[in-house]
């Protein structure tokens, strides 16, 4: 049986060593922070911010009436997704319609809006 190749314990400088670890740590912190905000929104709110209808907490995933967290002021419009005040509960269906309205509004202003909803 062949011996496995020796693998250096650390990545050489310039090959993504420490920076990748630091970037992953920042991303993990941001992900945890977003998860806390999402949990807080789901715990505090019970109605859709767009239609005013009740959001059933038992529905999950991609069900059209499942709850999702929506940012009324998106990132490309100077909104901050990491602030609780810019996060509200919405139905999946209503949130999709809201995003489409934002895209159309961006296109009528004369700017090109990419698939992500951000002006290019």
N, C-alpha and C. Protein backbone atom coordinates (compact mmCIF):
# COMPACT_ATOMS: atom_id res chain seq x y z
N UNK A 1 0.84 -1.17 0.00
CA UNK A 1 0.00 0.00 0.00
C UNK A 1 0.89 1.24 0.00
N UNK A 2 0.62 2.21 -0.91
CA UNK A 2 1.49 3.39 -0.98
C UNK A 2 1.27 4.31 0.21
N UNK A 3 2.36 4.98 0.59
CA UNK A 3 2.31 5.92 1.70
C UNK A 3 1.65 7.22 1.23
N UNK A 4 0.70 7.83 2.03
CA UNK A 4 0.08 9.09 1.60
C UNK A 4 1.13 10.20 1.54
N UNK A 5 0.94 11.15 0.65
CA UNK A 5 1.93 12.23 0.53
C UNK A 5 1.95 13.09 1.79
N UNK A 6 3.14 13.62 2.09
CA UNK A 6 3.27 14.51 3.24
C UNK A 6 2.59 15.83 2.92
N UNK A 7 1.76 16.28 3.84
CA UNK A 7 1.04 17.54 3.67
C UNK A 7 1.59 18.53 4.69
N UNK A 8 2.01 19.72 4.25
CA UNK A 8 2.51 20.69 5.23
C UNK A 8 1.40 21.10 6.18
N UNK A 9 1.73 21.35 7.46
CA UNK A 9 0.71 21.68 8.44
C UNK A 9 0.04 23.03 8.20
N UNK A 10 0.72 23.96 7.56
CA UNK A 10 0.15 25.27 7.28
C UNK A 10 0.29 25.58 5.81
N UNK A 11 -0.55 26.47 5.35
CA UNK A 11 -0.48 26.92 3.97
C UNK A 11 0.62 27.96 3.86
N UNK A 12 1.45 27.89 2.83
CA UNK A 12 2.52 28.88 2.68
C UNK A 12 1.96 30.29 2.51
N UNK A 13 2.73 31.31 2.92
CA UNK A 13 2.28 32.69 2.74
C UNK A 13 1.97 32.97 1.28
N UNK A 14 0.92 33.74 1.06
CA UNK A 14 0.54 34.08 -0.31
C UNK A 14 -0.35 33.05 -0.97
N UNK A 15 -0.59 31.96 -0.29
CA UNK A 15 -1.43 30.90 -0.85
C UNK A 15 -2.76 30.78 -0.12
N UNK A 16 -3.17 31.86 0.54
CA UNK A 16 -4.49 31.86 1.17
C UNK A 16 -4.51 31.39 2.60
N UNK A 17 -3.38 31.39 3.28
CA UNK A 17 -3.29 30.87 4.64
C UNK A 17 -4.12 31.61 5.65
N UNK A 18 -3.50 32.55 6.37
CA UNK A 18 -4.15 33.26 7.46
C UNK A 18 -5.32 34.12 7.04
N UNK A 19 -5.24 34.70 5.87
CA UNK A 19 -6.33 35.57 5.42
C UNK A 19 -7.62 34.78 5.24
N UNK A 20 -7.52 33.59 4.69
CA UNK A 20 -8.72 32.78 4.51
C UNK A 20 -9.35 32.43 5.85
N UNK A 21 -8.54 32.13 6.82
CA UNK A 21 -9.05 31.79 8.14
C UNK A 21 -9.75 33.00 8.76
N UNK A 22 -9.11 34.18 8.64
CA UNK A 22 -9.72 35.39 9.19
C UNK A 22 -11.02 35.73 8.46
N UNK A 23 -11.03 35.57 7.14
CA UNK A 23 -12.25 35.87 6.37
C UNK A 23 -13.36 34.90 6.75
N UNK A 24 -13.03 33.64 6.92
CA UNK A 24 -14.06 32.67 7.33
C UNK A 24 -14.60 33.01 8.70
N UNK A 25 -13.73 33.46 9.61
CA UNK A 25 -14.18 33.82 10.96
C UNK A 25 -15.12 35.02 10.89
N UNK A 26 -14.81 36.02 10.06
CA UNK A 26 -15.70 37.17 9.91
C UNK A 26 -17.03 36.75 9.33
N UNK A 27 -16.99 35.88 8.31
CA UNK A 27 -18.22 35.41 7.70
C UNK A 27 -19.06 34.62 8.69
N UNK A 28 -18.42 33.81 9.52
CA UNK A 28 -19.16 33.05 10.53
C UNK A 28 -19.82 33.97 11.53
N UNK A 29 -19.12 35.04 11.94
CA UNK A 29 -19.71 36.00 12.88
C UNK A 29 -20.91 36.69 12.24
N UNK A 30 -20.76 37.10 10.98
CA UNK A 30 -21.86 37.77 10.28
C UNK A 30 -23.05 36.83 10.12
N UNK A 31 -22.77 35.57 9.81
CA UNK A 31 -23.84 34.59 9.64
C UNK A 31 -24.57 34.37 10.96
N UNK A 32 -23.83 34.27 12.05
CA UNK A 32 -24.46 34.09 13.36
C UNK A 32 -25.30 35.31 13.73
N UNK A 33 -24.79 36.51 13.42
CA UNK A 33 -25.52 37.73 13.72
C UNK A 33 -26.83 37.78 12.92
N UNK A 34 -26.77 37.44 11.63
CA UNK A 34 -27.97 37.41 10.79
C UNK A 34 -28.95 36.37 11.32
N UNK A 35 -28.46 35.23 11.76
CA UNK A 35 -29.34 34.19 12.29
C UNK A 35 -30.04 34.68 13.56
N UNK A 36 -29.33 35.43 14.42
CA UNK A 36 -29.95 35.99 15.62
C UNK A 36 -31.04 36.99 15.25
N UNK A 37 -30.75 37.85 14.27
CA UNK A 37 -31.75 38.84 13.84
C UNK A 37 -32.96 38.12 13.27
N UNK A 38 -32.75 37.12 12.41
CA UNK A 38 -33.86 36.36 11.83
C UNK A 38 -34.71 35.70 12.92
N UNK A 39 -34.06 35.10 13.90
CA UNK A 39 -34.80 34.46 14.99
C UNK A 39 -35.59 35.49 15.79
N UNK A 40 -35.01 36.66 16.00
CA UNK A 40 -35.70 37.72 16.74
C UNK A 40 -36.92 38.20 15.96
N UNK A 41 -36.78 38.37 14.65
CA UNK A 41 -37.91 38.81 13.82
C UNK A 41 -39.03 37.78 13.88
N UNK A 42 -38.69 36.49 13.73
CA UNK A 42 -39.71 35.44 13.76
C UNK A 42 -40.37 35.35 15.14
N UNK A 43 -39.63 35.65 16.21
CA UNK A 43 -40.20 35.57 17.56
C UNK A 43 -41.09 36.77 17.87
N UNK A 44 -40.76 37.94 17.35
CA UNK A 44 -41.47 39.17 17.71
C UNK A 44 -42.65 39.50 16.80
N UNK A 45 -42.61 39.07 15.56
CA UNK A 45 -43.64 39.47 14.61
C UNK A 45 -44.47 38.27 14.16
N UNK A 46 -45.75 38.53 13.87
CA UNK A 46 -46.64 37.45 13.42
C UNK A 46 -47.40 37.82 12.15
N UNK A 47 -47.24 39.06 11.68
CA UNK A 47 -47.97 39.47 10.47
C UNK A 47 -47.00 39.87 9.38
N UNK A 48 -47.44 39.71 8.15
CA UNK A 48 -46.65 40.07 6.98
C UNK A 48 -46.57 41.59 6.87
N UNK A 49 -45.38 42.10 6.63
CA UNK A 49 -45.21 43.55 6.54
C UNK A 49 -45.78 44.11 5.24
N UNK A 50 -46.06 43.26 4.25
CA UNK A 50 -46.57 43.74 2.97
C UNK A 50 -48.09 43.66 2.87
N UNK A 51 -48.66 42.51 3.26
CA UNK A 51 -50.11 42.34 3.09
C UNK A 51 -50.88 42.43 4.41
N UNK A 52 -50.18 42.35 5.54
CA UNK A 52 -50.83 42.42 6.84
C UNK A 52 -51.46 41.11 7.27
N UNK A 53 -51.30 40.05 6.48
CA UNK A 53 -51.86 38.75 6.83
C UNK A 53 -51.02 38.01 7.85
N UNK A 54 -51.63 37.03 8.52
CA UNK A 54 -50.94 36.23 9.52
C UNK A 54 -49.91 35.32 8.84
N UNK A 55 -48.75 35.22 9.44
CA UNK A 55 -47.71 34.32 8.96
C UNK A 55 -47.72 33.08 9.85
N UNK A 56 -48.00 31.94 9.25
CA UNK A 56 -48.09 30.68 10.00
C UNK A 56 -46.69 30.16 10.27
N UNK A 57 -46.28 30.06 11.55
CA UNK A 57 -44.93 29.61 11.86
C UNK A 57 -44.70 28.12 11.58
N UNK A 58 -45.76 27.35 11.36
CA UNK A 58 -45.57 25.93 11.08
C UNK A 58 -45.18 25.68 9.63
N UNK A 59 -45.40 26.65 8.74
CA UNK A 59 -45.01 26.50 7.35
C UNK A 59 -43.54 26.87 7.21
N UNK A 60 -42.79 26.04 6.51
CA UNK A 60 -41.36 26.29 6.36
C UNK A 60 -40.93 26.10 4.92
N UNK A 61 -39.69 26.36 4.68
CA UNK A 61 -39.12 26.13 3.35
C UNK A 61 -39.62 27.11 2.32
N UNK A 62 -39.95 26.61 1.15
CA UNK A 62 -40.34 27.47 0.04
C UNK A 62 -41.85 27.57 -0.13
N UNK A 63 -42.61 27.18 0.88
CA UNK A 63 -44.06 27.32 0.80
C UNK A 63 -44.40 28.80 0.60
N UNK A 64 -45.31 29.15 -0.31
CA UNK A 64 -45.58 30.56 -0.61
C UNK A 64 -46.02 31.39 0.60
N UNK A 65 -46.68 30.76 1.56
CA UNK A 65 -47.15 31.51 2.72
C UNK A 65 -46.26 31.33 3.94
N UNK A 66 -45.10 30.71 3.77
CA UNK A 66 -44.14 30.58 4.87
C UNK A 66 -43.51 31.94 5.16
N UNK A 67 -43.06 32.11 6.36
CA UNK A 67 -42.46 33.38 6.74
C UNK A 67 -41.00 33.47 6.31
N UNK A 68 -40.61 34.67 5.96
CA UNK A 68 -39.22 34.96 5.64
C UNK A 68 -38.93 36.37 6.14
N UNK A 69 -37.67 36.67 6.30
CA UNK A 69 -37.28 38.00 6.76
C UNK A 69 -36.95 38.85 5.54
N UNK A 70 -37.58 40.01 5.48
CA UNK A 70 -37.42 40.91 4.35
C UNK A 70 -36.78 42.21 4.83
N UNK A 71 -35.93 42.77 4.00
CA UNK A 71 -35.36 44.08 4.29
C UNK A 71 -36.10 45.10 3.43
N UNK A 72 -36.97 45.93 4.04
CA UNK A 72 -37.71 46.91 3.27
C UNK A 72 -36.80 47.87 2.51
N UNK A 73 -35.66 48.20 3.10
CA UNK A 73 -34.69 49.04 2.41
C UNK A 73 -33.50 48.14 2.07
N UNK A 74 -33.40 47.70 0.81
CA UNK A 74 -32.36 46.74 0.44
C UNK A 74 -30.96 47.34 0.51
N UNK A 75 -29.98 46.47 0.48
CA UNK A 75 -28.59 46.87 0.58
C UNK A 75 -28.21 47.87 -0.50
N UNK A 76 -28.68 47.65 -1.72
CA UNK A 76 -28.31 48.55 -2.82
C UNK A 76 -28.96 49.92 -2.69
N UNK A 77 -29.94 50.07 -1.79
CA UNK A 77 -30.58 51.36 -1.54
C UNK A 77 -30.14 51.91 -0.19
N UNK A 78 -28.91 51.61 0.20
CA UNK A 78 -28.31 52.06 1.46
C UNK A 78 -28.96 51.45 2.69
N UNK A 79 -29.59 50.30 2.54
CA UNK A 79 -30.15 49.60 3.69
C UNK A 79 -29.10 48.74 4.36
N UNK A 80 -29.25 48.50 5.64
CA UNK A 80 -28.31 47.68 6.39
C UNK A 80 -29.02 46.42 6.85
N UNK A 81 -28.65 45.25 6.32
CA UNK A 81 -29.33 44.02 6.72
C UNK A 81 -28.99 43.56 8.12
N UNK A 82 -27.99 44.17 8.76
CA UNK A 82 -27.57 43.76 10.09
C UNK A 82 -28.19 44.60 11.19
N UNK A 83 -29.18 45.42 10.86
CA UNK A 83 -29.88 46.24 11.84
C UNK A 83 -31.30 45.70 11.98
N UNK A 84 -31.73 45.48 13.20
CA UNK A 84 -33.06 44.90 13.44
C UNK A 84 -34.17 45.76 12.85
N UNK A 85 -34.03 47.08 12.86
CA UNK A 85 -35.07 47.97 12.36
C UNK A 85 -35.29 47.81 10.86
N UNK A 86 -34.33 47.26 10.14
CA UNK A 86 -34.47 47.09 8.69
C UNK A 86 -34.84 45.64 8.33
N UNK A 87 -35.34 44.88 9.26
CA UNK A 87 -35.74 43.50 9.01
C UNK A 87 -37.16 43.30 9.50
N UNK A 88 -38.02 42.83 8.60
CA UNK A 88 -39.43 42.60 8.95
C UNK A 88 -39.87 41.24 8.42
N UNK A 89 -40.90 40.71 9.05
CA UNK A 89 -41.44 39.42 8.65
C UNK A 89 -42.36 39.59 7.44
N UNK A 90 -42.26 38.67 6.49
CA UNK A 90 -43.09 38.72 5.29
C UNK A 90 -43.38 37.29 4.82
N UNK A 91 -44.45 37.13 4.04
CA UNK A 91 -44.69 35.86 3.37
C UNK A 91 -43.68 35.72 2.24
N UNK A 92 -43.32 34.49 1.89
CA UNK A 92 -42.42 34.27 0.75
C UNK A 92 -43.00 34.91 -0.50
N UNK A 93 -44.29 34.73 -0.71
CA UNK A 93 -44.96 35.25 -1.91
C UNK A 93 -44.93 36.77 -1.94
N UNK A 94 -45.24 37.40 -0.83
CA UNK A 94 -45.26 38.87 -0.76
C UNK A 94 -43.85 39.44 -0.90
N UNK A 95 -42.88 38.77 -0.31
CA UNK A 95 -41.51 39.24 -0.41
C UNK A 95 -41.02 39.19 -1.85
N UNK A 96 -41.38 38.14 -2.58
CA UNK A 96 -41.01 38.04 -3.99
C UNK A 96 -41.65 39.15 -4.81
N UNK A 97 -42.91 39.47 -4.53
CA UNK A 97 -43.59 40.55 -5.24
C UNK A 97 -42.94 41.89 -4.92
N UNK A 98 -42.54 42.07 -3.66
CA UNK A 98 -41.88 43.31 -3.26
C UNK A 98 -40.54 43.46 -3.99
N UNK A 99 -39.77 42.37 -4.08
CA UNK A 99 -38.49 42.42 -4.79
C UNK A 99 -38.70 42.78 -6.26
N UNK A 100 -39.75 42.21 -6.85
CA UNK A 100 -40.04 42.52 -8.26
C UNK A 100 -40.39 44.00 -8.43
N UNK A 101 -41.15 44.56 -7.49
CA UNK A 101 -41.48 45.99 -7.55
C UNK A 101 -40.22 46.84 -7.46
N UNK A 102 -39.28 46.44 -6.59
CA UNK A 102 -38.03 47.18 -6.47
C UNK A 102 -37.23 47.13 -7.77
N UNK A 103 -37.22 45.94 -8.40
CA UNK A 103 -36.49 45.81 -9.66
C UNK A 103 -37.10 46.69 -10.74
N UNK A 104 -38.43 46.69 -10.84
CA UNK A 104 -39.11 47.50 -11.84
C UNK A 104 -38.87 48.99 -11.56
N UNK A 105 -38.94 49.38 -10.30
CA UNK A 105 -38.70 50.78 -9.95
C UNK A 105 -37.28 51.18 -10.32
N UNK A 106 -36.33 50.30 -10.10
CA UNK A 106 -34.94 50.59 -10.46
C UNK A 106 -34.77 50.73 -11.96
N UNK A 107 -35.49 49.93 -12.73
CA UNK A 107 -35.39 50.00 -14.18
C UNK A 107 -36.04 51.26 -14.72
N UNK A 108 -37.12 51.74 -14.09
CA UNK A 108 -37.79 52.93 -14.59
C UNK A 108 -37.01 54.19 -14.24
N UNK A 109 -36.09 54.10 -13.26
CA UNK A 109 -35.24 55.25 -12.94
C UNK A 109 -34.14 55.41 -13.98
N UNK A 110 -34.02 54.47 -14.89
CA UNK A 110 -33.02 54.57 -15.93
C UNK A 110 -31.78 53.75 -15.65
N UNK A 111 -31.67 53.18 -14.47
CA UNK A 111 -30.50 52.37 -14.15
C UNK A 111 -30.77 50.91 -14.45
N UNK A 112 -29.71 50.19 -14.82
CA UNK A 112 -29.87 48.75 -15.06
C UNK A 112 -29.84 48.06 -13.71
N UNK A 113 -30.78 47.17 -13.48
CA UNK A 113 -30.84 46.43 -12.22
C UNK A 113 -30.53 44.97 -12.54
N UNK A 114 -29.51 44.46 -11.88
CA UNK A 114 -29.10 43.07 -12.09
C UNK A 114 -30.09 42.13 -11.43
N UNK A 115 -29.89 40.82 -11.63
CA UNK A 115 -30.79 39.82 -11.05
C UNK A 115 -30.84 39.92 -9.53
N UNK A 116 -29.79 40.38 -8.90
CA UNK A 116 -29.77 40.48 -7.44
C UNK A 116 -30.58 41.65 -6.95
N UNK A 117 -31.01 42.53 -7.85
CA UNK A 117 -31.78 43.70 -7.44
C UNK A 117 -30.91 44.92 -7.20
N UNK A 118 -29.61 44.77 -7.42
CA UNK A 118 -28.71 45.91 -7.22
C UNK A 118 -28.46 46.59 -8.54
N UNK A 119 -28.39 47.93 -8.55
CA UNK A 119 -28.07 48.62 -9.80
C UNK A 119 -26.66 48.30 -10.24
N UNK A 120 -26.46 48.10 -11.50
CA UNK A 120 -25.13 47.78 -12.01
C UNK A 120 -24.34 49.03 -12.29
